[in-house]
Protein backbone atom coordinates (compact mmCIF):
# COMPACT_ATOMS: atom_id res chain seq x y z
CA UNK A 1 0.00 0.00 0.00
CA UNK A 2 1.07 3.53 -0.73
CA UNK A 3 0.67 5.66 2.41
CA UNK A 4 0.10 8.82 0.37
CA UNK A 5 -2.80 7.10 -1.41
CA UNK A 6 -4.14 5.79 1.90
CA UNK A 7 -4.08 9.35 3.26
CA UNK A 8 -6.04 10.54 0.22
CA UNK A 9 -8.50 7.66 0.58
CA UNK A 10 -9.03 8.68 4.22
CA UNK A 11 -9.71 12.28 3.19
CA UNK A 12 -6.38 13.66 4.36
CA UNK A 13 -4.30 16.17 2.46
CA UNK A 14 -0.52 15.69 2.24
CA UNK A 15 1.53 18.87 1.94
CA UNK A 16 5.28 19.40 1.72
CA UNK A 17 6.13 22.67 3.46
CA UNK A 18 9.01 24.64 4.86
CA UNK A 19 8.89 24.32 8.66
CA UNK A 20 11.11 27.29 9.42
CA UNK A 21 12.68 27.18 12.89
CA UNK A 22 11.10 23.78 13.63
CA UNK A 23 12.88 22.28 10.61
CA UNK A 24 15.69 20.87 12.73
CA UNK A 25 13.44 18.77 14.95
CA UNK A 26 10.24 17.84 13.12
CA UNK A 27 10.06 15.56 10.07
CA UNK A 28 6.28 15.73 9.70
CA UNK A 29 3.15 16.49 11.66
CA UNK A 30 -0.53 15.68 11.56
CA UNK A 31 -2.93 18.61 11.84
CA UNK A 32 -6.35 17.19 12.74
CA UNK A 33 -8.04 20.57 12.43
CA UNK A 34 -7.06 20.85 8.75
CA UNK A 35 -7.01 17.08 8.11
CA UNK A 36 -3.50 17.53 6.77
CA UNK A 37 -0.22 15.70 7.06
CA UNK A 38 2.52 18.28 6.69
CA UNK A 39 5.96 16.99 5.68
CA UNK A 40 9.05 19.08 6.34
CA UNK A 41 10.62 19.97 2.98
CA UNK A 42 14.04 19.79 4.66
CA UNK A 43 13.79 16.00 5.13
CA UNK A 44 13.13 15.54 1.42
CA UNK A 45 15.67 18.02 0.05
CA UNK A 46 17.43 16.63 -2.98
CA UNK A 47 17.66 13.09 -1.59
CA UNK A 48 17.58 10.28 -4.12
CA UNK A 49 15.13 8.52 -1.79
CA UNK A 50 12.76 11.50 -1.46
CA UNK A 51 9.71 9.43 -2.47
CA UNK A 52 10.59 6.78 0.13
CA UNK A 53 11.15 9.43 2.77
CA UNK A 54 7.81 11.05 1.97
CA UNK A 55 6.08 7.67 2.23
CA UNK A 56 7.76 6.95 5.59
CA UNK A 57 6.70 10.31 7.01
CA UNK A 58 3.12 9.95 5.81
CA UNK A 59 2.82 6.36 7.09
CA UNK A 60 4.08 7.48 10.52
CA UNK A 61 1.60 10.38 10.66
CA UNK A 62 -1.30 8.11 9.67
CA UNK A 63 -0.87 6.48 13.09
CA UNK A 64 -1.37 9.88 14.74
CA UNK A 65 -4.53 10.34 12.66
CA UNK A 66 -5.78 6.98 13.96
CA UNK A 67 -5.05 8.20 17.50
CA UNK A 68 -7.03 11.36 16.86
CA UNK A 69 -10.11 9.57 15.56
CA UNK A 70 -9.99 7.00 18.38
CA UNK A 71 -8.99 3.89 16.41
CA UNK A 72 -5.88 3.42 18.53
CA UNK A 73 -5.38 4.50 22.12
CA UNK A 74 -3.40 7.67 22.49
CA UNK A 75 -0.52 7.22 24.89
CA UNK A 76 1.22 9.87 26.93
CA UNK A 77 4.89 10.52 26.40
CA UNK A 78 6.47 11.60 23.17
CA UNK A 79 9.04 8.83 22.74
CA UNK A 80 6.57 5.99 23.25
CA UNK A 81 4.01 7.53 20.88
CA UNK A 82 6.65 8.11 18.22
CA UNK A 83 7.96 4.54 18.56
CA UNK A 84 4.41 3.20 18.19
CA UNK A 85 3.86 5.35 15.10
CA UNK A 86 7.11 4.05 13.60
CA UNK A 87 6.11 0.46 14.35
CA UNK A 88 2.69 0.99 12.76
CA UNK A 89 4.30 2.45 9.63
CA UNK A 90 6.73 -0.47 9.30
CA UNK A 91 4.05 -3.08 9.94
CA UNK A 92 1.35 -1.89 7.57
CA UNK A 93 3.34 -0.36 4.72
CA UNK A 94 6.15 -1.70 2.55
CA UNK A 95 8.55 1.19 3.15
CA UNK A 96 11.93 1.69 1.54
CA UNK A 97 12.90 4.17 4.28
CA UNK A 98 12.50 3.58 8.03
CA UNK A 99 10.54 6.43 9.66
CA UNK A 100 12.82 6.31 12.71
CA UNK A 101 15.81 6.85 10.45
CA UNK A 102 14.23 10.03 9.07
CA UNK A 103 14.11 11.48 12.60
CA UNK A 104 17.67 10.38 13.32
CA UNK A 105 18.77 12.23 10.19
CA UNK A 106 17.24 15.44 11.59
CA UNK A 107 18.99 14.99 14.93
CA UNK A 108 22.44 15.20 13.35
C-alpha atoms as a PDB file:
ATOM      1  CA  UNK A   1       0.000   0.000   0.000  1.00  0.00           C
ATOM      2  CA  UNK A   2       1.068   3.530  -0.727  1.00  0.00           C
ATOM      3  CA  UNK A   3       0.669   5.657   2.413  1.00  0.00           C
ATOM      4  CA  UNK A   4       0.099   8.817   0.367  1.00  0.00           C
ATOM      5  CA  UNK A   5      -2.796   7.101  -1.414  1.00  0.00           C
ATOM      6  CA  UNK A   6      -4.144   5.795   1.897  1.00  0.00           C
ATOM      7  CA  UNK A   7      -4.075   9.350   3.260  1.00  0.00           C
ATOM      8  CA  UNK A   8      -6.040  10.542   0.221  1.00  0.00           C
ATOM      9  CA  UNK A   9      -8.498   7.655   0.584  1.00  0.00           C
ATOM     10  CA  UNK A  10      -9.032   8.677   4.220  1.00  0.00           C
ATOM     11  CA  UNK A  11      -9.712  12.283   3.189  1.00  0.00           C
ATOM     12  CA  UNK A  12      -6.377  13.661   4.360  1.00  0.00           C
ATOM     13  CA  UNK A  13      -4.301  16.165   2.464  1.00  0.00           C
ATOM     14  CA  UNK A  14      -0.524  15.688   2.238  1.00  0.00           C
ATOM     15  CA  UNK A  15       1.526  18.872   1.938  1.00  0.00           C
ATOM     16  CA  UNK A  16       5.279  19.401   1.719  1.00  0.00           C
ATOM     17  CA  UNK A  17       6.128  22.665   3.461  1.00  0.00           C
ATOM     18  CA  UNK A  18       9.009  24.641   4.865  1.00  0.00           C
ATOM     19  CA  UNK A  19       8.888  24.322   8.659  1.00  0.00           C
ATOM     20  CA  UNK A  20      11.106  27.294   9.419  1.00  0.00           C
ATOM     21  CA  UNK A  21      12.684  27.178  12.892  1.00  0.00           C
ATOM     22  CA  UNK A  22      11.101  23.781  13.628  1.00  0.00           C
ATOM     23  CA  UNK A  23      12.881  22.278  10.608  1.00  0.00           C
ATOM     24  CA  UNK A  24      15.687  20.875  12.732  1.00  0.00           C
ATOM     25  CA  UNK A  25      13.443  18.770  14.947  1.00  0.00           C
ATOM     26  CA  UNK A  26      10.242  17.842  13.116  1.00  0.00           C
ATOM     27  CA  UNK A  27      10.058  15.561  10.067  1.00  0.00           C
ATOM     28  CA  UNK A  28       6.282  15.733   9.697  1.00  0.00           C
ATOM     29  CA  UNK A  29       3.152  16.494  11.660  1.00  0.00           C
ATOM     30  CA  UNK A  30      -0.529  15.679  11.558  1.00  0.00           C
ATOM     31  CA  UNK A  31      -2.931  18.610  11.844  1.00  0.00           C
ATOM     32  CA  UNK A  32      -6.349  17.187  12.739  1.00  0.00           C
ATOM     33  CA  UNK A  33      -8.036  20.568  12.427  1.00  0.00           C
ATOM     34  CA  UNK A  34      -7.064  20.854   8.752  1.00  0.00           C
ATOM     35  CA  UNK A  35      -7.012  17.083   8.105  1.00  0.00           C
ATOM     36  CA  UNK A  36      -3.499  17.531   6.768  1.00  0.00           C
ATOM     37  CA  UNK A  37      -0.216  15.700   7.064  1.00  0.00           C
ATOM     38  CA  UNK A  38       2.518  18.281   6.687  1.00  0.00           C
ATOM     39  CA  UNK A  39       5.964  16.991   5.683  1.00  0.00           C
ATOM     40  CA  UNK A  40       9.051  19.078   6.344  1.00  0.00           C
ATOM     41  CA  UNK A  41      10.621  19.967   2.985  1.00  0.00           C
ATOM     42  CA  UNK A  42      14.037  19.786   4.663  1.00  0.00           C
ATOM     43  CA  UNK A  43      13.789  16.002   5.127  1.00  0.00           C
ATOM     44  CA  UNK A  44      13.128  15.538   1.418  1.00  0.00           C
ATOM     45  CA  UNK A  45      15.675  18.016   0.049  1.00  0.00           C
ATOM     46  CA  UNK A  46      17.434  16.635  -2.978  1.00  0.00           C
ATOM     47  CA  UNK A  47      17.664  13.092  -1.593  1.00  0.00           C
ATOM     48  CA  UNK A  48      17.576  10.278  -4.124  1.00  0.00           C
ATOM     49  CA  UNK A  49      15.133   8.519  -1.793  1.00  0.00           C
ATOM     50  CA  UNK A  50      12.758  11.501  -1.456  1.00  0.00           C
ATOM     51  CA  UNK A  51       9.707   9.431  -2.468  1.00  0.00           C
ATOM     52  CA  UNK A  52      10.590   6.781   0.131  1.00  0.00           C
ATOM     53  CA  UNK A  53      11.152   9.432   2.774  1.00  0.00           C
ATOM     54  CA  UNK A  54       7.814  11.050   1.971  1.00  0.00           C
ATOM     55  CA  UNK A  55       6.075   7.669   2.231  1.00  0.00           C
ATOM     56  CA  UNK A  56       7.759   6.945   5.589  1.00  0.00           C
ATOM     57  CA  UNK A  57       6.703  10.314   7.010  1.00  0.00           C
ATOM     58  CA  UNK A  58       3.116   9.952   5.815  1.00  0.00           C
ATOM     59  CA  UNK A  59       2.822   6.357   7.091  1.00  0.00           C
ATOM     60  CA  UNK A  60       4.078   7.484  10.517  1.00  0.00           C
ATOM     61  CA  UNK A  61       1.600  10.378  10.655  1.00  0.00           C
ATOM     62  CA  UNK A  62      -1.300   8.113   9.668  1.00  0.00           C
ATOM     63  CA  UNK A  63      -0.869   6.482  13.090  1.00  0.00           C
ATOM     64  CA  UNK A  64      -1.370   9.884  14.738  1.00  0.00           C
ATOM     65  CA  UNK A  65      -4.534  10.335  12.657  1.00  0.00           C
ATOM     66  CA  UNK A  66      -5.777   6.976  13.959  1.00  0.00           C
ATOM     67  CA  UNK A  67      -5.055   8.199  17.498  1.00  0.00           C
ATOM     68  CA  UNK A  68      -7.026  11.362  16.862  1.00  0.00           C
ATOM     69  CA  UNK A  69     -10.114   9.570  15.562  1.00  0.00           C
ATOM     70  CA  UNK A  70      -9.991   7.002  18.380  1.00  0.00           C
ATOM     71  CA  UNK A  71      -8.994   3.889  16.413  1.00  0.00           C
ATOM     72  CA  UNK A  72      -5.882   3.420  18.529  1.00  0.00           C
ATOM     73  CA  UNK A  73      -5.385   4.497  22.121  1.00  0.00           C
ATOM     74  CA  UNK A  74      -3.403   7.671  22.485  1.00  0.00           C
ATOM     75  CA  UNK A  75      -0.522   7.219  24.886  1.00  0.00           C
ATOM     76  CA  UNK A  76       1.223   9.870  26.932  1.00  0.00           C
ATOM     77  CA  UNK A  77       4.890  10.523  26.395  1.00  0.00           C
ATOM     78  CA  UNK A  78       6.473  11.597  23.167  1.00  0.00           C
ATOM     79  CA  UNK A  79       9.037   8.828  22.738  1.00  0.00           C
ATOM     80  CA  UNK A  80       6.572   5.990  23.250  1.00  0.00           C
ATOM     81  CA  UNK A  81       4.012   7.531  20.885  1.00  0.00           C
ATOM     82  CA  UNK A  82       6.650   8.107  18.217  1.00  0.00           C
ATOM     83  CA  UNK A  83       7.964   4.542  18.563  1.00  0.00           C
ATOM     84  CA  UNK A  84       4.415   3.203  18.193  1.00  0.00           C
ATOM     85  CA  UNK A  85       3.859   5.352  15.103  1.00  0.00           C
ATOM     86  CA  UNK A  86       7.111   4.050  13.599  1.00  0.00           C
ATOM     87  CA  UNK A  87       6.113   0.462  14.351  1.00  0.00           C
ATOM     88  CA  UNK A  88       2.693   0.993  12.759  1.00  0.00           C
ATOM     89  CA  UNK A  89       4.301   2.449   9.631  1.00  0.00           C
ATOM     90  CA  UNK A  90       6.735  -0.466   9.302  1.00  0.00           C
ATOM     91  CA  UNK A  91       4.052  -3.084   9.942  1.00  0.00           C
ATOM     92  CA  UNK A  92       1.346  -1.888   7.574  1.00  0.00           C
ATOM     93  CA  UNK A  93       3.342  -0.364   4.721  1.00  0.00           C
ATOM     94  CA  UNK A  94       6.149  -1.696   2.546  1.00  0.00           C
ATOM     95  CA  UNK A  95       8.549   1.187   3.149  1.00  0.00           C
ATOM     96  CA  UNK A  96      11.935   1.693   1.539  1.00  0.00           C
ATOM     97  CA  UNK A  97      12.900   4.167   4.282  1.00  0.00           C
ATOM     98  CA  UNK A  98      12.497   3.578   8.027  1.00  0.00           C
ATOM     99  CA  UNK A  99      10.536   6.428   9.665  1.00  0.00           C
ATOM    100  CA  UNK A 100      12.822   6.307  12.714  1.00  0.00           C
ATOM    101  CA  UNK A 101      15.812   6.853  10.447  1.00  0.00           C
ATOM    102  CA  UNK A 102      14.227  10.027   9.069  1.00  0.00           C
ATOM    103  CA  UNK A 103      14.113  11.482  12.595  1.00  0.00           C
ATOM    104  CA  UNK A 104      17.670  10.376  13.315  1.00  0.00           C
ATOM    105  CA  UNK A 105      18.767  12.234  10.188  1.00  0.00           C
ATOM    106  CA  UNK A 106      17.241  15.445  11.591  1.00  0.00           C
ATOM    107  CA  UNK A 107      18.992  14.993  14.932  1.00  0.00           C
ATOM    108  CA  UNK A 108      22.444  15.203  13.347  1.00  0.00           C
END
